[in-house]
Amino acid sequence: MPEGEVTTVTISTILDSVGDIFTAAIGWVGNVATTIVENPILLVFTVIPLVGLGVGLFRRLLSVN
């Protein structure tokens, strides 16, 4: 951009940028999920912590007074 030039930022350009970032993030999540599912060892190391998280949350819900 030449010096002294002013760029106009509108709600439309901001929403377009947010949409592009969101689309890219969904693509990255898809790539990671595909990699994990295709490699059983990664699946084991992903599922076990998630199960532990679920059990821990369930325990906390049961122990609330």
PDB file of N, CA and C in Angstrom:
ATOM      1  N   MET A   1       0.846  -1.168   0.000  1.00  0.00           N
ATOM      2  CA  MET A   1       0.000   0.000   0.000  1.00  0.00           C
ATOM      3  C   MET A   1       0.893   1.234   0.000  1.00  0.00           C
ATOM      4  N   PRO A   2       0.613   2.152  -0.897  1.00  0.00           N
ATOM      5  CA  PRO A   2       1.402   3.388  -0.938  1.00  0.00           C
ATOM      6  C   PRO A   2       1.221   4.196   0.343  1.00  0.00           C
ATOM      7  N   GLU A   3       2.255   4.928   0.664  1.00  0.00           N
ATOM      8  CA  GLU A   3       2.212   5.746   1.876  1.00  0.00           C
ATOM      9  C   GLU A   3       1.149   6.824   1.747  1.00  0.00           C
ATOM     10  N   GLY A   4       0.401   7.038   2.813  1.00  0.00           N
ATOM     11  CA  GLY A   4      -0.621   8.066   2.833  1.00  0.00           C
ATOM     12  C   GLY A   4      -1.984   7.593   2.339  1.00  0.00           C
ATOM     13  N   GLU A   5      -2.057   6.363   1.835  1.00  0.00           N
ATOM     14  CA  GLU A   5      -3.341   5.840   1.357  1.00  0.00           C
ATOM     15  C   GLU A   5      -4.144   5.326   2.545  1.00  0.00           C
ATOM     16  N   VAL A   6      -5.423   5.617   2.549  1.00  0.00           N
ATOM     17  CA  VAL A   6      -6.311   5.214   3.638  1.00  0.00           C
ATOM     18  C   VAL A   6      -7.141   4.031   3.181  1.00  0.00           C
ATOM     19  N   THR A   7      -7.189   2.986   4.011  1.00  0.00           N
ATOM     20  CA  THR A   7      -8.032   1.839   3.682  1.00  0.00           C
ATOM     21  C   THR A   7      -9.318   1.936   4.489  1.00  0.00           C
ATOM     22  N   THR A   8     -10.392   1.504   3.881  1.00  0.00           N
ATOM     23  CA  THR A   8     -11.688   1.542   4.533  1.00  0.00           C
ATOM     24  C   THR A   8     -12.027   0.144   5.039  1.00  0.00           C
ATOM     25  N   VAL A   9     -12.318   0.067   6.304  1.00  0.00           N
ATOM     26  CA  VAL A   9     -12.714  -1.195   6.910  1.00  0.00           C
ATOM     27  C   VAL A   9     -14.210  -1.123   7.179  1.00  0.00           C
ATOM     28  N   THR A  10     -14.924  -2.081   6.629  1.00  0.00           N
ATOM     29  CA  THR A  10     -16.366  -2.115   6.828  1.00  0.00           C
ATOM     30  C   THR A  10     -16.743  -3.397   7.560  1.00  0.00           C
ATOM     31  N   ILE A  11     -17.961  -3.443   8.030  1.00  0.00           N
ATOM     32  CA  ILE A  11     -18.459  -4.645   8.690  1.00  0.00           C
ATOM     33  C   ILE A  11     -18.391  -5.827   7.725  1.00  0.00           C
ATOM     34  N   SER A  12     -18.668  -5.582   6.477  1.00  0.00           N
ATOM     35  CA  SER A  12     -18.633  -6.640   5.473  1.00  0.00           C
ATOM     36  C   SER A  12     -17.239  -7.257   5.350  1.00  0.00           C
ATOM     37  N   THR A  13     -16.198  -6.419   5.312  1.00  0.00           N
ATOM     38  CA  THR A  13     -14.843  -6.959   5.193  1.00  0.00           C
ATOM     39  C   THR A  13     -14.436  -7.699   6.459  1.00  0.00           C
ATOM     40  N   ILE A  14     -14.875  -7.215   7.607  1.00  0.00           N
ATOM     41  CA  ILE A  14     -14.568  -7.901   8.867  1.00  0.00           C
ATOM     42  C   ILE A  14     -15.253  -9.264   8.895  1.00  0.00           C
ATOM     43  N   LEU A  15     -16.531  -9.315   8.511  1.00  0.00           N
ATOM     44  CA  LEU A  15     -17.256 -10.585   8.500  1.00  0.00           C
ATOM     45  C   LEU A  15     -16.653 -11.554   7.487  1.00  0.00           C
ATOM     46  N   ASP A  16     -16.210 -11.056   6.351  1.00  0.00           N
ATOM     47  CA  ASP A  16     -15.546 -11.914   5.372  1.00  0.00           C
ATOM     48  C   ASP A  16     -14.261 -12.505   5.952  1.00  0.00           C
ATOM     49  N   SER A  17     -13.498 -11.690   6.654  1.00  0.00           N
ATOM     50  CA  SER A  17     -12.255 -12.171   7.261  1.00  0.00           C
ATOM     51  C   SER A  17     -12.530 -13.204   8.342  1.00  0.00           C
ATOM     52  N   VAL A  18     -13.523 -12.948   9.172  1.00  0.00           N
ATOM     53  CA  VAL A  18     -13.891 -13.907  10.221  1.00  0.00           C
ATOM     54  C   VAL A  18     -14.356 -15.213   9.586  1.00  0.00           C
ATOM     55  N   GLY A  19     -15.126 -15.123   8.527  1.00  0.00           N
ATOM     56  CA  GLY A  19     -15.581 -16.326   7.825  1.00  0.00           C
ATOM     57  C   GLY A  19     -14.427 -17.113   7.240  1.00  0.00           C
ATOM     58  N   ASP A  20     -13.446 -16.428   6.676  1.00  0.00           N
ATOM     59  CA  ASP A  20     -12.268 -17.111   6.133  1.00  0.00           C
ATOM     60  C   ASP A  20     -11.481 -17.819   7.220  1.00  0.00           C
ATOM     61  N   ILE A  21     -11.317 -17.164   8.354  1.00  0.00           N
ATOM     62  CA  ILE A  21     -10.591 -17.770   9.477  1.00  0.00           C
ATOM     63  C   ILE A  21     -11.354 -18.984  10.006  1.00  0.00           C
ATOM     64  N   PHE A  22     -12.665 -18.849  10.148  1.00  0.00           N
ATOM     65  CA  PHE A  22     -13.481 -19.960  10.634  1.00  0.00           C
ATOM     66  C   PHE A  22     -13.406 -21.150   9.682  1.00  0.00           C
ATOM     67  N   THR A  23     -13.483 -20.888   8.389  1.00  0.00           N
ATOM     68  CA  THR A  23     -13.395 -21.956   7.396  1.00  0.00           C
ATOM     69  C   THR A  23     -12.033 -22.654   7.468  1.00  0.00           C
ATOM     70  N   ALA A  24     -10.975 -21.884   7.610  1.00  0.00           N
ATOM     71  CA  ALA A  24      -9.637 -22.471   7.725  1.00  0.00           C
ATOM     72  C   ALA A  24      -9.524 -23.314   8.992  1.00  0.00           C
ATOM     73  N   ALA A  25     -10.063 -22.822  10.105  1.00  0.00           N
ATOM     74  CA  ALA A  25      -9.992 -23.564  11.367  1.00  0.00           C
ATOM     75  C   ALA A  25     -10.743 -24.883  11.271  1.00  0.00           C
ATOM     76  N   ILE A  26     -11.906 -24.881  10.628  1.00  0.00           N
ATOM     77  CA  ILE A  26     -12.660 -26.126  10.446  1.00  0.00           C
ATOM     78  C   ILE A  26     -11.857 -27.105   9.599  1.00  0.00           C
ATOM     79  N   GLY A  27     -11.183 -26.604   8.594  1.00  0.00           N
ATOM     80  CA  GLY A  27     -10.324 -27.464   7.765  1.00  0.00           C
ATOM     81  C   GLY A  27      -9.191 -28.081   8.568  1.00  0.00           C
ATOM     82  N   TRP A  28      -8.580 -27.285   9.447  1.00  0.00           N
ATOM     83  CA  TRP A  28      -7.495 -27.799  10.288  1.00  0.00           C
ATOM     84  C   TRP A  28      -8.005 -28.872  11.233  1.00  0.00           C
ATOM     85  N   VAL A  29      -9.164 -28.644  11.830  1.00  0.00           N
ATOM     86  CA  VAL A  29      -9.749 -29.642  12.741  1.00  0.00           C
ATOM     87  C   VAL A  29     -10.034 -30.926  11.976  1.00  0.00           C
ATOM     88  N   GLY A  30     -10.530 -30.799  10.755  1.00  0.00           N
ATOM     89  CA  GLY A  30     -10.782 -31.980   9.927  1.00  0.00           C
ATOM     90  C   GLY A  30      -9.504 -32.743   9.624  1.00  0.00           C
ATOM     91  N   ASN A  31      -8.436 -32.034   9.323  1.00  0.00           N
ATOM     92  CA  ASN A  31      -7.150 -32.696   9.057  1.00  0.00           C
ATOM     93  C   ASN A  31      -6.631 -33.424  10.287  1.00  0.00           C
ATOM     94  N   VAL A  32      -6.724 -32.788  11.442  1.00  0.00           N
ATOM     95  CA  VAL A  32      -6.260 -33.420  12.681  1.00  0.00           C
ATOM     96  C   VAL A  32      -7.111 -34.643  12.994  1.00  0.00           C
ATOM     97  N   ALA A  33      -8.429 -34.522  12.868  1.00  0.00           N
ATOM     98  CA  ALA A  33      -9.318 -35.648  13.149  1.00  0.00           C
ATOM     99  C   ALA A  33      -9.045 -36.814  12.202  1.00  0.00           C
ATOM    100  N   THR A  34      -8.817 -36.528  10.939  1.00  0.00           N
ATOM    101  CA  THR A  34      -8.508 -37.580   9.971  1.00  0.00           C
ATOM    102  C   THR A  34      -7.203 -38.275  10.328  1.00  0.00           C
ATOM    103  N   THR A  35      -6.200 -37.512  10.698  1.00  0.00           N
ATOM    104  CA  THR A  35      -4.911 -38.090  11.081  1.00  0.00           C
ATOM    105  C   THR A  35      -5.050 -38.977  12.308  1.00  0.00           C
ATOM    106  N   ILE A  36      -5.816 -38.536  13.293  1.00  0.00           N
ATOM    107  CA  ILE A  36      -5.998 -39.314  14.519  1.00  0.00           C
ATOM    108  C   ILE A  36      -6.744 -40.609  14.223  1.00  0.00           C
ATOM    109  N   VAL A  37      -7.791 -40.539  13.411  1.00  0.00           N
ATOM    110  CA  VAL A  37      -8.589 -41.731  13.110  1.00  0.00           C
ATOM    111  C   VAL A  37      -7.801 -42.720  12.265  1.00  0.00           C
ATOM    112  N   GLU A  38      -6.938 -42.256  11.398  1.00  0.00           N
ATOM    113  CA  GLU A  38      -6.165 -43.142  10.533  1.00  0.00           C
ATOM    114  C   GLU A  38      -5.031 -43.843  11.268  1.00  0.00           C
ATOM    115  N   ASN A  39      -4.609 -43.330  12.415  1.00  0.00           N
ATOM    116  CA  ASN A  39      -3.509 -43.928  13.170  1.00  0.00           C
ATOM    117  C   ASN A  39      -4.036 -44.417  14.516  1.00  0.00           C
ATOM    118  N   PRO A  40      -4.193 -45.736  14.684  1.00  0.00           N
ATOM    119  CA  PRO A  40      -4.785 -46.272  15.916  1.00  0.00           C
ATOM    120  C   PRO A  40      -4.039 -45.864  17.185  1.00  0.00           C
ATOM    121  N   ILE A  41      -2.728 -45.729  17.124  1.00  0.00           N
ATOM    122  CA  ILE A  41      -1.982 -45.357  18.330  1.00  0.00           C
ATOM    123  C   ILE A  41      -2.340 -43.929  18.753  1.00  0.00           C
ATOM    124  N   LEU A  42      -2.533 -43.046  17.792  1.00  0.00           N
ATOM    125  CA  LEU A  42      -2.964 -41.688  18.126  1.00  0.00           C
ATOM    126  C   LEU A  42      -4.383 -41.693  18.670  1.00  0.00           C
ATOM    127  N   LEU A  43      -5.217 -42.600  18.153  1.00  0.00           N
ATOM    128  CA  LEU A  43      -6.593 -42.703  18.623  1.00  0.00           C
ATOM    129  C   LEU A  43      -6.619 -43.111  20.091  1.00  0.00           C
ATOM    130  N   VAL A  44      -5.754 -44.042  20.472  1.00  0.00           N
ATOM    131  CA  VAL A  44      -5.685 -44.472  21.875  1.00  0.00           C
ATOM    132  C   VAL A  44      -5.271 -43.309  22.763  1.00  0.00           C
ATOM    133  N   PHE A  45      -4.242 -42.581  22.355  1.00  0.00           N
ATOM    134  CA  PHE A  45      -3.752 -41.475  23.176  1.00  0.00           C
ATOM    135  C   PHE A  45      -4.688 -40.268  23.160  1.00  0.00           C
ATOM    136  N   THR A  46      -5.674 -40.277  22.286  1.00  0.00           N
ATOM    137  CA  THR A  46      -6.667 -39.210  22.262  1.00  0.00           C
ATOM    138  C   THR A  46      -7.911 -39.584  23.043  1.00  0.00           C
ATOM    139  N   VAL A  47      -8.346 -40.826  22.932  1.00  0.00           N
ATOM    140  CA  VAL A  47      -9.587 -41.262  23.564  1.00  0.00           C
ATOM    141  C   VAL A  47      -9.429 -41.408  25.074  1.00  0.00           C
ATOM    142  N   ILE A  48      -8.323 -41.960  25.537  1.00  0.00           N
ATOM    143  CA  ILE A  48      -8.145 -42.193  26.979  1.00  0.00           C
ATOM    144  C   ILE A  48      -8.239 -40.891  27.785  1.00  0.00           C
ATOM    145  N   PRO A  49      -7.561 -39.818  27.414  1.00  0.00           N
ATOM    146  CA  PRO A  49      -7.735 -38.567  28.179  1.00  0.00           C
ATOM    147  C   PRO A  49      -9.161 -38.016  28.113  1.00  0.00           C
ATOM    148  N   LEU A  50      -9.826 -38.188  26.983  1.00  0.00           N
ATOM    149  CA  LEU A  50     -11.208 -37.706  26.879  1.00  0.00           C
ATOM    150  C   LEU A  50     -12.134 -38.493  27.802  1.00  0.00           C
ATOM    151  N   VAL A  51     -11.928 -39.799  27.907  1.00  0.00           N
ATOM    152  CA  VAL A  51     -12.724 -40.616  28.830  1.00  0.00           C
ATOM    153  C   VAL A  51     -12.445 -40.179  30.264  1.00  0.00           C
ATOM    154  N   GLY A  52     -11.180 -39.951  30.591  1.00  0.00           N
ATOM    155  CA  GLY A  52     -10.824 -39.472  31.926  1.00  0.00           C
ATOM    156  C   GLY A  52     -11.464 -38.128  32.236  1.00  0.00           C
ATOM    157  N   LEU A  53     -11.502 -37.255  31.263  1.00  0.00           N
ATOM    158  CA  LEU A  53     -12.144 -35.956  31.443  1.00  0.00           C
ATOM    159  C   LEU A  53     -13.632 -36.130  31.718  1.00  0.00           C
ATOM    160  N   GLY A  54     -14.286 -37.007  30.963  1.00  0.00           N
ATOM    161  CA  GLY A  54     -15.709 -37.264  31.166  1.00  0.00           C
ATOM    162  C   GLY A  54     -15.990 -37.836  32.541  1.00  0.00           C
ATOM    163  N   VAL A  55     -15.168 -38.783  32.977  1.00  0.00           N
ATOM    164  CA  VAL A  55     -15.347 -39.376  34.306  1.00  0.00           C
ATOM    165  C   VAL A  55     -15.134 -38.327  35.388  1.00  0.00           C
ATOM    166  N   GLY A  56     -14.117 -37.502  35.255  1.00  0.00           N
ATOM    167  CA  GLY A  56     -13.858 -36.450  36.240  1.00  0.00           C
ATOM    168  C   GLY A  56     -14.998 -35.451  36.331  1.00  0.00           C
ATOM    169  N   LEU A  57     -15.534 -35.038  35.186  1.00  0.00           N
ATOM    170  CA  LEU A  57     -16.666 -34.112  35.196  1.00  0.00           C
ATOM    171  C   LEU A  57     -17.896 -34.756  35.834  1.00  0.00           C
ATOM    172  N   PHE A  58     -18.137 -36.023  35.540  1.00  0.00           N
ATOM    173  CA  PHE A  58     -19.283 -36.725  36.118  1.00  0.00           C
ATOM    174  C   PHE A  58     -19.136 -36.835  37.633  1.00  0.00           C
ATOM    175  N   ARG A  59     -17.929 -37.121  38.109  1.00  0.00           N
ATOM    176  CA  ARG A  59     -17.696 -37.172  39.560  1.00  0.00           C
ATOM    177  C   ARG A  59     -17.979 -35.834  40.227  1.00  0.00           C
ATOM    178  N   ARG A  60     -17.514 -34.772  39.591  1.00  0.00           N
ATOM    179  CA  ARG A  60     -17.758 -33.441  40.160  1.00  0.00           C
ATOM    180  C   ARG A  60     -19.250 -33.120  40.203  1.00  0.00           C
ATOM    181  N   LEU A  61     -19.977 -33.510  39.178  1.00  0.00           N
ATOM    182  CA  LEU A  61     -21.413 -33.270  39.172  1.00  0.00           C
ATOM    183  C   LEU A  61     -22.117 -34.039  40.288  1.00  0.00           C
ATOM    184  N   LEU A  62     -21.634 -35.249  40.566  1.00  0.00           N
ATOM    185  CA  LEU A  62     -22.251 -36.058  41.616  1.00  0.00           C
ATOM    186  C   LEU A  62     -21.902 -35.555  43.006  1.00  0.00           C
ATOM    187  N   SER A  63     -20.741 -34.918  43.165  1.00  0.00           N
ATOM    188  CA  SER A  63     -20.307 -34.511  44.503  1.00  0.00           C
ATOM    189  C   SER A  63     -20.722 -33.077  44.852  1.00  0.00           C
ATOM    190  N   VAL A  64     -21.451 -32.396  43.975  1.00  0.00           N
ATOM    191  CA  VAL A  64     -21.889 -31.024  44.263  1.00  0.00           C
ATOM    192  C   VAL A  64     -22.957 -31.081  45.344  1.00  0.00           C
ATOM    193  N   ASN A  65     -22.793 -30.254  46.376  1.00  0.00           N
ATOM    194  CA  ASN A  65     -23.752 -30.277  47.484  1.00  0.00           C
ATOM    195  C   ASN A  65     -24.884 -29.341  47.236  1.00  0.00           C
TER     196      ASN A  65
END
